Amino acid sequence: MGRGRVQLKRIENPVHRQVTFCKRRAGLLKKAKELSVLCDAEIGLVIFSAHGKLYELATKGTMQELIERYSKYTGGPQLPDEPTVEPMDAIKEIGMLKQEIEVLQKGLRYMFAGGCEYTSLDELLVLEKHLEIWINQIRSTKVDIMFQEIQMLRSKIGENMNNTDFTNTLHPLTIADNIF
């Protein structure tokens, strides 16, 4: 049984979108590795998720070496040996991380103290938003694991079907001719 054609448009359900992203990302990385092995190709692949998470693959060497080689080939600007970080960006990021840690700590205190501590409405809304994000990530991971298990079971069933000889076996819903 073949699959139907997938309509290429944005998936509206965020959980389904995340699941599709994870599955297709894994498939894309696998195909890139296979192409590299089969054809002795040097492949570099960079993927940024909707949440800003980086996924990369460099089949030979490092991504840095591959990007430098690409820059030389195209005549583009050369990358510096050491990546430079803007001080303001680092300060912003540190501030954001401190806020994130504070929200997480307040959330933990709220959950383990049974909500006894005073928490403002804004803090509860932020905590609720984070919980929803975490739930979506957990559900996505759970769906991925379930999908992998289903695929594994299907392949085992296929193997068992191929290894079983059905020519001389009676099926439980059939009646042998010599009974009547």
Protein backbone atom coordinates (compact mmCIF):
# COMPACT_ATOMS: atom_id res chain seq x y z
CA MET A 1 0.00 0.00 0.00
CA GLY A 2 1.57 3.28 -1.10
CA ARG A 3 1.39 6.60 0.58
CA GLY A 4 -0.64 9.47 -0.78
CA ARG A 5 0.89 12.66 -2.02
CA VAL A 6 1.56 15.13 0.79
CA GLN A 7 0.23 18.61 0.25
CA LEU A 8 3.07 21.07 0.82
CA LYS A 9 1.70 23.72 3.12
CA ARG A 10 2.43 24.79 6.67
CA ILE A 11 1.13 22.35 9.28
CA GLU A 12 -1.13 24.34 11.59
CA ASN A 13 -1.12 21.99 14.59
CA PRO A 14 2.13 22.74 16.48
CA VAL A 15 2.47 19.21 17.84
CA HIS A 16 2.03 17.62 14.40
CA ARG A 17 4.39 20.24 12.95
CA GLN A 18 7.08 19.36 15.52
CA VAL A 19 6.63 15.62 14.94
CA THR A 20 6.91 16.09 11.17
CA PHE A 21 10.00 18.26 11.65
CA CYS A 22 11.69 15.60 13.79
CA LYS A 23 10.87 12.77 11.40
CA ARG A 24 11.86 14.62 8.25
CA ARG A 25 15.02 16.06 9.86
CA ALA A 26 16.11 12.54 10.80
CA GLY A 27 15.34 11.31 7.29
CA LEU A 28 17.23 14.18 5.69
CA LEU A 29 20.29 13.59 7.88
CA LYS A 30 20.16 9.86 7.13
CA LYS A 31 19.94 10.46 3.36
CA ALA A 32 22.86 12.91 3.51
CA LYS A 33 25.00 10.34 5.34
CA GLU A 34 24.02 7.64 2.82
CA LEU A 35 24.89 9.91 -0.13
CA SER A 36 28.25 10.65 1.45
CA VAL A 37 29.07 6.98 1.97
CA LEU A 38 27.77 5.75 -1.39
CA CYS A 39 29.28 8.48 -3.54
CA ASP A 40 32.25 9.57 -1.42
CA ALA A 41 30.80 13.08 -1.31
CA GLU A 42 31.63 15.73 1.25
CA ILE A 43 28.34 17.03 2.65
CA GLY A 44 27.56 19.83 5.05
CA LEU A 45 24.00 20.31 6.25
CA VAL A 46 22.72 23.04 8.58
CA ILE A 47 19.16 23.07 9.96
CA PHE A 48 17.65 25.63 12.31
CA SER A 49 14.40 24.57 13.95
CA ALA A 50 11.49 26.95 14.47
CA HIS A 51 12.67 27.29 18.08
CA GLY A 52 16.15 28.30 16.92
CA LYS A 53 17.87 25.02 17.75
CA LEU A 54 20.79 24.15 15.47
CA TYR A 55 21.22 20.75 13.83
CA GLU A 56 24.27 20.21 11.66
CA LEU A 57 26.05 17.45 9.81
CA ALA A 58 29.53 17.48 8.33
CA THR A 59 30.31 14.11 6.80
CA LYS A 60 34.07 14.65 6.54
CA GLY A 61 35.98 16.87 8.91
CA THR A 62 34.21 19.69 10.69
CA MET A 63 31.55 22.14 9.64
CA GLN A 64 34.07 24.98 10.07
CA GLU A 65 36.45 23.35 7.58
CA LEU A 66 33.63 22.75 5.14
CA ILE A 67 32.43 26.37 5.34
CA GLU A 68 35.99 27.64 4.82
CA ARG A 69 36.35 25.41 1.79
CA TYR A 70 33.02 26.70 0.45
CA SER A 71 34.11 30.31 1.00
CA LYS A 72 37.36 29.71 -0.88
CA TYR A 73 35.51 28.01 -3.73
CA THR A 74 32.93 30.78 -4.12
CA GLY A 75 35.34 33.63 -3.45
CA GLY A 76 33.26 34.75 -0.48
CA PRO A 77 34.61 36.31 2.69
CA GLN A 78 36.93 34.12 4.72
CA LEU A 79 35.87 33.10 8.19
CA PRO A 80 38.11 34.15 11.06
CA ASP A 81 39.99 31.44 12.94
CA GLU A 82 38.22 32.32 16.19
CA PRO A 83 34.58 33.28 16.04
CA THR A 84 34.03 36.76 17.40
CA VAL A 85 31.10 37.36 19.69
CA GLU A 86 29.63 40.78 20.09
CA PRO A 87 29.77 41.79 23.77
CA MET A 88 26.23 43.16 23.72
CA ASP A 89 24.88 39.92 22.31
CA ALA A 90 26.58 37.94 25.06
CA ILE A 91 25.24 40.31 27.71
CA LYS A 92 21.72 40.03 26.26
CA GLU A 93 21.97 36.27 26.17
CA ILE A 94 23.22 36.14 29.77
CA GLY A 95 20.29 38.31 30.83
CA MET A 96 17.81 36.11 29.00
CA LEU A 97 19.31 32.97 30.52
CA LYS A 98 19.16 34.49 34.01
CA GLN A 99 15.48 35.31 33.47
CA GLU A 100 14.84 31.78 32.22
CA ILE A 101 16.57 30.30 35.26
CA GLU A 102 14.56 32.56 37.57
CA VAL A 103 11.29 31.50 35.92
CA LEU A 104 12.23 27.84 36.21
CA GLN A 105 13.25 28.20 39.85
CA LYS A 106 9.98 30.01 40.68
CA GLY A 107 8.04 27.31 38.87
CA LEU A 108 9.78 24.57 40.83
CA ARG A 109 9.21 26.40 44.11
CA TYR A 110 5.55 26.90 43.18
CA MET A 111 5.05 23.24 42.29
CA PHE A 112 6.93 21.75 45.26
CA ALA A 113 5.64 24.25 47.84
CA GLY A 114 2.06 23.60 46.73
CA GLY A 115 1.52 27.19 45.58
CA CYS A 116 1.92 28.62 49.08
CA GLU A 117 4.37 31.29 47.96
CA TYR A 118 2.94 34.49 46.48
CA THR A 119 3.18 34.41 42.71
CA SER A 120 1.93 37.21 40.48
CA LEU A 121 -0.45 36.66 37.60
CA ASP A 122 2.28 37.52 35.08
CA GLU A 123 4.63 34.96 36.63
CA LEU A 124 1.92 32.31 36.50
CA LEU A 125 1.20 33.13 32.85
CA VAL A 126 4.90 32.80 31.99
CA LEU A 127 5.05 29.51 33.90
CA GLU A 128 1.95 28.27 32.07
CA LYS A 129 3.52 29.17 28.71
CA HIS A 130 6.69 27.27 29.58
CA LEU A 131 4.68 24.26 30.76
CA GLU A 132 2.76 24.20 27.47
CA ILE A 133 6.02 24.30 25.50
CA TRP A 134 7.46 21.48 27.62
CA ILE A 135 4.30 19.40 27.24
CA ASN A 136 4.44 19.83 23.45
CA GLN A 137 8.08 18.75 23.41
CA ILE A 138 7.34 15.73 25.59
CA ARG A 139 4.38 14.74 23.42
CA SER A 140 6.46 15.14 20.30
CA THR A 141 9.20 12.91 21.71
CA LYS A 142 6.58 10.38 22.83
CA VAL A 143 5.02 10.30 19.36
CA ASP A 144 8.45 9.86 17.78
CA ILE A 145 9.23 6.91 20.05
CA MET A 146 5.82 5.34 19.40
CA PHE A 147 6.29 5.81 15.63
CA GLN A 148 9.71 4.13 15.78
CA GLU A 149 8.26 1.21 17.76
CA ILE A 150 5.39 0.84 15.28
CA GLN A 151 7.87 0.81 12.37
CA MET A 152 9.97 -1.79 14.18
CA LEU A 153 6.90 -3.98 14.82
CA ARG A 154 5.80 -3.63 11.19
CA SER A 155 9.21 -4.75 9.99
CA LYS A 156 9.11 -7.73 12.38
CA ILE A 157 5.64 -8.66 11.13
CA GLY A 158 6.91 -8.36 7.54
CA GLU A 159 9.86 -10.60 8.34
CA ASN A 160 7.59 -13.15 10.02
CA MET A 161 5.18 -13.08 7.08
CA ASN A 162 8.06 -13.69 4.66
CA ASN A 163 9.51 -16.52 6.76
CA THR A 164 6.20 -18.36 7.25
CA ASP A 165 5.01 -20.95 4.75
CA PHE A 166 1.25 -20.61 4.32
CA THR A 167 0.82 -23.24 1.61
CA ASN A 168 -0.14 -26.18 3.85
CA THR A 169 -1.56 -24.39 6.88
CA LEU A 170 -5.26 -24.14 7.64
CA HIS A 171 -6.64 -20.77 8.52
CA PRO A 172 -8.90 -20.69 11.57
CA LEU A 173 -11.83 -19.23 9.61
CA THR A 174 -11.72 -21.82 6.81
CA ILE A 175 -13.32 -25.24 6.87
CA ALA A 176 -11.47 -28.22 5.48
CA ASP A 177 -13.25 -29.96 2.59
CA ASN A 178 -13.07 -33.44 4.11
CA ILE A 179 -15.12 -32.53 7.19
CA PHE A 180 -18.50 -32.54 5.38
